[in-house]
Amino acid sequence: MILEGIVTTLASDGTLNVAPMGPKVGRDPGRYLLRPYQTSTTYQNLKATGEGVLHVTDDVFLIARAAIGTLPEPETSPASKVRGRILKTTGRYVEFRVVDLDDRSERTSITIESVAEGLQPKPLFGLNRAKHAVVEAAILATRLEFLPTTEIMADFARLAIPIDKTGGPDERLAFGILLDRVLAFSSRKGPSSG
């Protein structure tokens, strides 16, 4: 199973990175598998420092802005067991350490292990079809260099249906900024790029 969430890591100089990431969850509830690309800041930070914080959230506007790099400096608090930062606007968090990192291929396999967990005062509201659609759109927006633009645009058209039917203001805004990013990319690269 893949759990969509947000991972925060710190660079060696203390710079915060916030990235959406879907770790694989196995039978051991305290271990997760991250699969970042080696070009990502998350990979670089985890290779350098070996620790971070995984956040579970239903805030799709946060996920969308983190996916396309438009997230302003978020409000955080220090982690208790690792050198890391906890996002104050998420419901649940897991402080973790890297226990294995295999970077022999472009998509790295990083096994992480929980060292502390907690709940934030902001409860999880839950997900509806529109929130799921925004998560899918955010994933597509991070794949603009890999997938054909025409395929991405077709998927966005399909995802717009649950946004229209079940979305609230946050879901519509999140979907809109993601669509704007895709349209801007498409106009620069052409419809068959990918």
C-alpha atoms as a PDB file:
ATOM      1  CA  MET A   1       0.000   0.000   0.000  1.00  0.00           C
ATOM      2  CA  ILE A   2       1.164   3.539  -0.727  1.00  0.00           C
ATOM      3  CA  LEU A   3       0.361   6.282   1.776  1.00  0.00           C
ATOM      4  CA  GLU A   4       0.361   9.755   0.238  1.00  0.00           C
ATOM      5  CA  GLY A   5       1.901  12.331   2.512  1.00  0.00           C
ATOM      6  CA  ILE A   6       4.486  15.068   2.905  1.00  0.00           C
ATOM      7  CA  VAL A   7       8.134  14.509   3.835  1.00  0.00           C
ATOM      8  CA  THR A   8      10.228  17.240   5.396  1.00  0.00           C
ATOM      9  CA  THR A   9      13.995  17.021   5.383  1.00  0.00           C
ATOM     10  CA  LEU A  10      16.787  19.376   6.271  1.00  0.00           C
ATOM     11  CA  ALA A  11      19.881  20.037   4.208  1.00  0.00           C
ATOM     12  CA  SER A  12      23.243  19.991   5.944  1.00  0.00           C
ATOM     13  CA  ASP A  13      22.996  23.786   6.298  1.00  0.00           C
ATOM     14  CA  GLY A  14      19.529  23.528   7.921  1.00  0.00           C
ATOM     15  CA  THR A  15      17.469  24.555   4.861  1.00  0.00           C
ATOM     16  CA  LEU A  16      13.993  23.007   5.038  1.00  0.00           C
ATOM     17  CA  ASN A  17      12.644  20.978   2.103  1.00  0.00           C
ATOM     18  CA  VAL A  18       8.944  20.077   1.942  1.00  0.00           C
ATOM     19  CA  ALA A  19       7.960  17.457  -0.646  1.00  0.00           C
ATOM     20  CA  PRO A  20       4.911  15.314  -1.325  1.00  0.00           C
ATOM     21  CA  MET A  21       5.874  11.671  -1.202  1.00  0.00           C
ATOM     22  CA  GLY A  22       4.040   8.386  -1.163  1.00  0.00           C
ATOM     23  CA  PRO A  23       5.937   5.849   0.936  1.00  0.00           C
ATOM     24  CA  LYS A  24       5.137   2.185   0.589  1.00  0.00           C
ATOM     25  CA  VAL A  25       3.766   0.725   3.804  1.00  0.00           C
ATOM     26  CA  GLY A  26       4.360  -2.960   4.440  1.00  0.00           C
ATOM     27  CA  ARG A  27       3.531  -5.396   7.200  1.00  0.00           C
ATOM     28  CA  ASP A  28       5.848  -3.664   9.678  1.00  0.00           C
ATOM     29  CA  PRO A  29       3.955  -0.483  10.677  1.00  0.00           C
ATOM     30  CA  GLY A  30       7.144   1.243  11.805  1.00  0.00           C
ATOM     31  CA  ARG A  31       8.969   0.872   8.469  1.00  0.00           C
ATOM     32  CA  TYR A  32       8.320   2.600   5.173  1.00  0.00           C
ATOM     33  CA  LEU A  33       9.925   2.574   1.744  1.00  0.00           C
ATOM     34  CA  LEU A  34      10.569   5.912   0.039  1.00  0.00           C
ATOM     35  CA  ARG A  35      11.369   6.009  -3.701  1.00  0.00           C
ATOM     36  CA  PRO A  36      12.648   9.507  -4.565  1.00  0.00           C
ATOM     37  CA  TYR A  37      14.504  10.285  -7.763  1.00  0.00           C
ATOM     38  CA  GLN A  38      18.192  11.032  -7.302  1.00  0.00           C
ATOM     39  CA  THR A  39      17.637  14.504  -8.736  1.00  0.00           C
ATOM     40  CA  SER A  40      15.288  15.394  -5.858  1.00  0.00           C
ATOM     41  CA  THR A  41      16.215  17.487  -2.851  1.00  0.00           C
ATOM     42  CA  THR A  42      14.584  14.865  -0.605  1.00  0.00           C
ATOM     43  CA  TYR A  43      17.039  12.223  -1.872  1.00  0.00           C
ATOM     44  CA  GLN A  44      20.018  14.544  -1.466  1.00  0.00           C
ATOM     45  CA  ASN A  45      19.012  15.526   2.076  1.00  0.00           C
ATOM     46  CA  LEU A  46      18.309  11.956   3.202  1.00  0.00           C
ATOM     47  CA  LYS A  47      21.610  10.756   1.766  1.00  0.00           C
ATOM     48  CA  ALA A  48      23.425  13.542   3.637  1.00  0.00           C
ATOM     49  CA  THR A  49      21.573  13.551   6.972  1.00  0.00           C
ATOM     50  CA  GLY A  50      19.686  10.230   7.165  1.00  0.00           C
ATOM     51  CA  GLU A  51      16.579  11.562   8.892  1.00  0.00           C
ATOM     52  CA  GLY A  52      13.351  13.469   8.382  1.00  0.00           C
ATOM     53  CA  VAL A  53       9.646  13.637   9.168  1.00  0.00           C
ATOM     54  CA  LEU A  54       6.737  12.019   7.292  1.00  0.00           C
ATOM     55  CA  HIS A  55       3.385  13.827   7.626  1.00  0.00           C
ATOM     56  CA  VAL A  56      -0.086  12.449   7.018  1.00  0.00           C
ATOM     57  CA  THR A  57      -2.455  15.159   5.844  1.00  0.00           C
ATOM     58  CA  ASP A  58      -5.704  15.707   3.997  1.00  0.00           C
ATOM     59  CA  ASP A  59      -4.657  19.284   3.099  1.00  0.00           C
ATOM     60  CA  VAL A  60      -4.482  18.937  -0.686  1.00  0.00           C
ATOM     61  CA  PHE A  61      -3.664  22.627  -1.151  1.00  0.00           C
ATOM     62  CA  LEU A  62      -0.478  21.993   0.875  1.00  0.00           C
ATOM     63  CA  ILE A  63       0.294  18.910  -1.240  1.00  0.00           C
ATOM     64  CA  ALA A  64      -0.315  20.795  -4.503  1.00  0.00           C
ATOM     65  CA  ARG A  65       1.879  23.768  -3.572  1.00  0.00           C
ATOM     66  CA  ALA A  66       4.669  21.496  -2.317  1.00  0.00           C
ATOM     67  CA  ALA A  67       4.501  19.451  -5.542  1.00  0.00           C
ATOM     68  CA  ILE A  68       5.107  22.448  -7.788  1.00  0.00           C
ATOM     69  CA  GLY A  69       7.455  24.361  -5.483  1.00  0.00           C
ATOM     70  CA  THR A  70       5.152  27.277  -4.628  1.00  0.00           C
ATOM     71  CA  LEU A  71       4.782  26.597  -0.903  1.00  0.00           C
ATOM     72  CA  PRO A  72       5.718  29.601   1.249  1.00  0.00           C
ATOM     73  CA  GLU A  73       7.822  28.923   4.338  1.00  0.00           C
ATOM     74  CA  PRO A  74       5.486  26.771   6.458  1.00  0.00           C
ATOM     75  CA  GLU A  75       4.963  27.030  10.185  1.00  0.00           C
ATOM     76  CA  THR A  76       6.962  24.241  11.858  1.00  0.00           C
ATOM     77  CA  SER A  77       8.199  23.018  15.207  1.00  0.00           C
ATOM     78  CA  PRO A  78      11.365  21.047  15.962  1.00  0.00           C
ATOM     79  CA  ALA A  79      11.212  17.260  15.870  1.00  0.00           C
ATOM     80  CA  SER A  80      11.949  15.557  19.197  1.00  0.00           C
ATOM     81  CA  LYS A  81      14.124  12.582  18.140  1.00  0.00           C
ATOM     82  CA  VAL A  82      15.633  13.592  14.792  1.00  0.00           C
ATOM     83  CA  ARG A  83      17.150  16.688  13.260  1.00  0.00           C
ATOM     84  CA  GLY A  84      13.996  17.759  11.454  1.00  0.00           C
ATOM     85  CA  ARG A  85      10.901  19.945  11.378  1.00  0.00           C
ATOM     86  CA  ILE A  86       7.241  19.063  11.957  1.00  0.00           C
ATOM     87  CA  LEU A  87       4.623  20.879   9.880  1.00  0.00           C
ATOM     88  CA  LYS A  88       2.082  22.376  12.282  1.00  0.00           C
ATOM     89  CA  THR A  89      -0.808  22.138   9.791  1.00  0.00           C
ATOM     90  CA  THR A  90      -0.832  18.353   9.430  1.00  0.00           C
ATOM     91  CA  GLY A  91      -2.713  15.787  11.488  1.00  0.00           C
ATOM     92  CA  ARG A  92      -0.165  13.037  12.150  1.00  0.00           C
ATOM     93  CA  TYR A  93       3.599  12.810  11.827  1.00  0.00           C
ATOM     94  CA  VAL A  94       6.325  10.175  11.988  1.00  0.00           C
ATOM     95  CA  GLU A  95       9.907  11.143  12.783  1.00  0.00           C
ATOM     96  CA  PHE A  96      12.223   8.702  11.019  1.00  0.00           C
ATOM     97  CA  ARG A  97      15.782   7.596  10.366  1.00  0.00           C
ATOM     98  CA  VAL A  98      17.129   5.959   7.227  1.00  0.00           C
ATOM     99  CA  VAL A  99      18.035   2.308   7.826  1.00  0.00           C
ATOM    100  CA  ASP A 100      18.924   1.413   4.217  1.00  0.00           C
ATOM    101  CA  LEU A 101      19.585   3.453   1.092  1.00  0.00           C
ATOM    102  CA  ASP A 102      20.041   1.758  -2.278  1.00  0.00           C
ATOM    103  CA  ASP A 103      20.819   4.274  -5.002  1.00  0.00           C
ATOM    104  CA  ARG A 104      22.053   1.960  -7.738  1.00  0.00           C
ATOM    105  CA  SER A 105      19.200   3.094 -10.002  1.00  0.00           C
ATOM    106  CA  GLU A 106      17.766   6.539 -10.807  1.00  0.00           C
ATOM    107  CA  ARG A 107      14.800   5.931  -8.499  1.00  0.00           C
ATOM    108  CA  THR A 108      16.355   5.276  -5.119  1.00  0.00           C
ATOM    109  CA  SER A 109      14.978   2.832  -2.532  1.00  0.00           C
ATOM    110  CA  ILE A 110      15.223   4.273   0.962  1.00  0.00           C
ATOM    111  CA  THR A 111      13.962   2.231   3.901  1.00  0.00           C
ATOM    112  CA  ILE A 112      13.071   4.409   6.861  1.00  0.00           C
ATOM    113  CA  GLU A 113      12.139   3.488  10.404  1.00  0.00           C
ATOM    114  CA  SER A 114       9.937   5.416  12.816  1.00  0.00           C
ATOM    115  CA  VAL A 115      11.672   6.699  15.949  1.00  0.00           C
ATOM    116  CA  ALA A 116       8.800   8.880  17.208  1.00  0.00           C
ATOM    117  CA  GLU A 117       5.193   9.589  16.223  1.00  0.00           C
ATOM    118  CA  GLY A 118       2.656  12.169  17.184  1.00  0.00           C
ATOM    119  CA  LEU A 119      -0.666  13.831  16.501  1.00  0.00           C
ATOM    120  CA  GLN A 120      -1.188  17.517  15.884  1.00  0.00           C
ATOM    121  CA  PRO A 121      -4.105  19.530  17.239  1.00  0.00           C
ATOM    122  CA  LYS A 122      -5.461  19.809  13.666  1.00  0.00           C
ATOM    123  CA  PRO A 123      -7.532  16.667  13.158  1.00  0.00           C
ATOM    124  CA  LEU A 124      -7.761  14.999   9.789  1.00  0.00           C
ATOM    125  CA  PHE A 125     -11.050  15.904   8.146  1.00  0.00           C
ATOM    126  CA  GLY A 126     -10.897  13.058   5.663  1.00  0.00           C
ATOM    127  CA  LEU A 127     -10.779  12.654   1.923  1.00  0.00           C
ATOM    128  CA  ASN A 128     -13.447  12.959  -0.717  1.00  0.00           C
ATOM    129  CA  ARG A 129     -13.206  12.266  -4.443  1.00  0.00           C
ATOM    130  CA  ALA A 130     -11.978  15.799  -5.151  1.00  0.00           C
ATOM    131  CA  LYS A 131      -9.118  15.505  -2.656  1.00  0.00           C
ATOM    132  CA  HIS A 132      -8.055  12.226  -4.287  1.00  0.00           C
ATOM    133  CA  ALA A 133      -8.220  13.923  -7.694  1.00  0.00           C
ATOM    134  CA  VAL A 134      -5.938  16.738  -6.487  1.00  0.00           C
ATOM    135  CA  VAL A 135      -3.412  14.205  -5.177  1.00  0.00           C
ATOM    136  CA  GLU A 136      -3.412  12.482  -8.591  1.00  0.00           C
ATOM    137  CA  ALA A 137      -3.072  15.855 -10.340  1.00  0.00           C
ATOM    138  CA  ALA A 138      -0.144  16.791  -8.069  1.00  0.00           C
ATOM    139  CA  ILE A 139       1.620  13.567  -8.993  1.00  0.00           C
ATOM    140  CA  LEU A 140       1.076  14.305 -12.684  1.00  0.00           C
ATOM    141  CA  ALA A 141       2.409  17.854 -12.230  1.00  0.00           C
ATOM    142  CA  THR A 142       5.682  16.404 -10.933  1.00  0.00           C
ATOM    143  CA  ARG A 143       6.002  14.171 -14.013  1.00  0.00           C
ATOM    144  CA  LEU A 144       5.912  16.856 -16.722  1.00  0.00           C
ATOM    145  CA  GLU A 145       9.415  15.997 -17.923  1.00  0.00           C
ATOM    146  CA  PHE A 146       8.639  12.265 -18.127  1.00  0.00           C
ATOM    147  CA  LEU A 147       5.112  11.898 -19.513  1.00  0.00           C
ATOM    148  CA  PRO A 148       3.623  13.114 -22.803  1.00  0.00           C
ATOM    149  CA  THR A 149       1.790  16.395 -22.291  1.00  0.00           C
ATOM    150  CA  THR A 150      -1.237  15.142 -24.243  1.00  0.00           C
ATOM    151  CA  GLU A 151      -1.547  12.225 -21.801  1.00  0.00           C
ATOM    152  CA  ILE A 152      -1.287  14.560 -18.813  1.00  0.00           C
ATOM    153  CA  MET A 153      -3.928  16.890 -20.276  1.00  0.00           C
ATOM    154  CA  ALA A 154      -6.292  13.952 -20.854  1.00  0.00           C
ATOM    155  CA  ASP A 155      -5.822  12.865 -17.242  1.00  0.00           C
ATOM    156  CA  PHE A 156      -6.483  16.415 -16.013  1.00  0.00           C
ATOM    157  CA  ALA A 157      -9.727  16.488 -18.012  1.00  0.00           C
ATOM    158  CA  ARG A 158     -10.784  13.227 -16.346  1.00  0.00           C
ATOM    159  CA  LEU A 159      -9.775  14.498 -12.881  1.00  0.00           C
ATOM    160  CA  ALA A 160     -11.752  17.734 -13.341  1.00  0.00           C
ATOM    161  CA  ILE A 161     -15.012  15.756 -13.069  1.00  0.00           C
ATOM    162  CA  PRO A 162     -14.699  14.831  -9.348  1.00  0.00           C
ATOM    163  CA  ILE A 163     -13.320  18.313  -8.634  1.00  0.00           C
ATOM    164  CA  ASP A 164     -16.487  19.832 -10.140  1.00  0.00           C
ATOM    165  CA  LYS A 165     -18.811  17.343  -8.407  1.00  0.00           C
ATOM    166  CA  THR A 166     -17.343  17.093  -4.887  1.00  0.00           C
ATOM    167  CA  GLY A 167     -14.679  19.785  -4.479  1.00  0.00           C
ATOM    168  CA  GLY A 168     -14.737  22.710  -2.112  1.00  0.00           C
ATOM    169  CA  PRO A 169     -12.785  25.972  -2.431  1.00  0.00           C
ATOM    170  CA  ASP A 170      -9.430  24.449  -1.380  1.00  0.00           C
ATOM    171  CA  GLU A 171      -9.700  21.551  -3.814  1.00  0.00           C
ATOM    172  CA  ARG A 172     -10.695  23.863  -6.680  1.00  0.00           C
ATOM    173  CA  LEU A 173      -7.837  26.253  -5.900  1.00  0.00           C
ATOM    174  CA  ALA A 174      -5.303  23.417  -5.594  1.00  0.00           C
ATOM    175  CA  PHE A 175      -6.458  21.850  -8.859  1.00  0.00           C
ATOM    176  CA  GLY A 176      -6.354  25.247 -10.548  1.00  0.00           C
ATOM    177  CA  ILE A 177      -2.730  25.967  -9.631  1.00  0.00           C
ATOM    178  CA  LEU A 178      -1.717  22.505 -10.806  1.00  0.00           C
ATOM    179  CA  LEU A 179      -3.584  22.920 -14.088  1.00  0.00           C
ATOM    180  CA  ASP A 180      -1.970  26.341 -14.585  1.00  0.00           C
ATOM    181  CA  ARG A 181       1.457  24.734 -14.159  1.00  0.00           C
ATOM    182  CA  VAL A 182       0.652  22.033 -16.720  1.00  0.00           C
ATOM    183  CA  LEU A 183      -0.749  24.557 -19.211  1.00  0.00           C
ATOM    184  CA  ALA A 184       2.325  26.792 -18.836  1.00  0.00           C
ATOM    185  CA  PHE A 185       4.600  23.794 -19.402  1.00  0.00           C
ATOM    186  CA  SER A 186       2.545  22.702 -22.406  1.00  0.00           C
ATOM    187  CA  SER A 187       2.718  26.140 -24.019  1.00  0.00           C
ATOM    188  CA  ARG A 188       6.521  26.202 -23.615  1.00  0.00           C
ATOM    189  CA  LYS A 189       7.189  22.623 -24.764  1.00  0.00           C
ATOM    190  CA  GLY A 190       4.360  21.866 -27.147  1.00  0.00           C
ATOM    191  CA  PRO A 191       1.515  19.320 -26.793  1.00  0.00           C
ATOM    192  CA  SER A 192       3.528  16.218 -27.731  1.00  0.00           C
ATOM    193  CA  SER A 193       6.412  16.827 -25.329  1.00  0.00           C
ATOM    194  CA  GLY A 194       7.271  14.299 -22.724  1.00  0.00           C
END
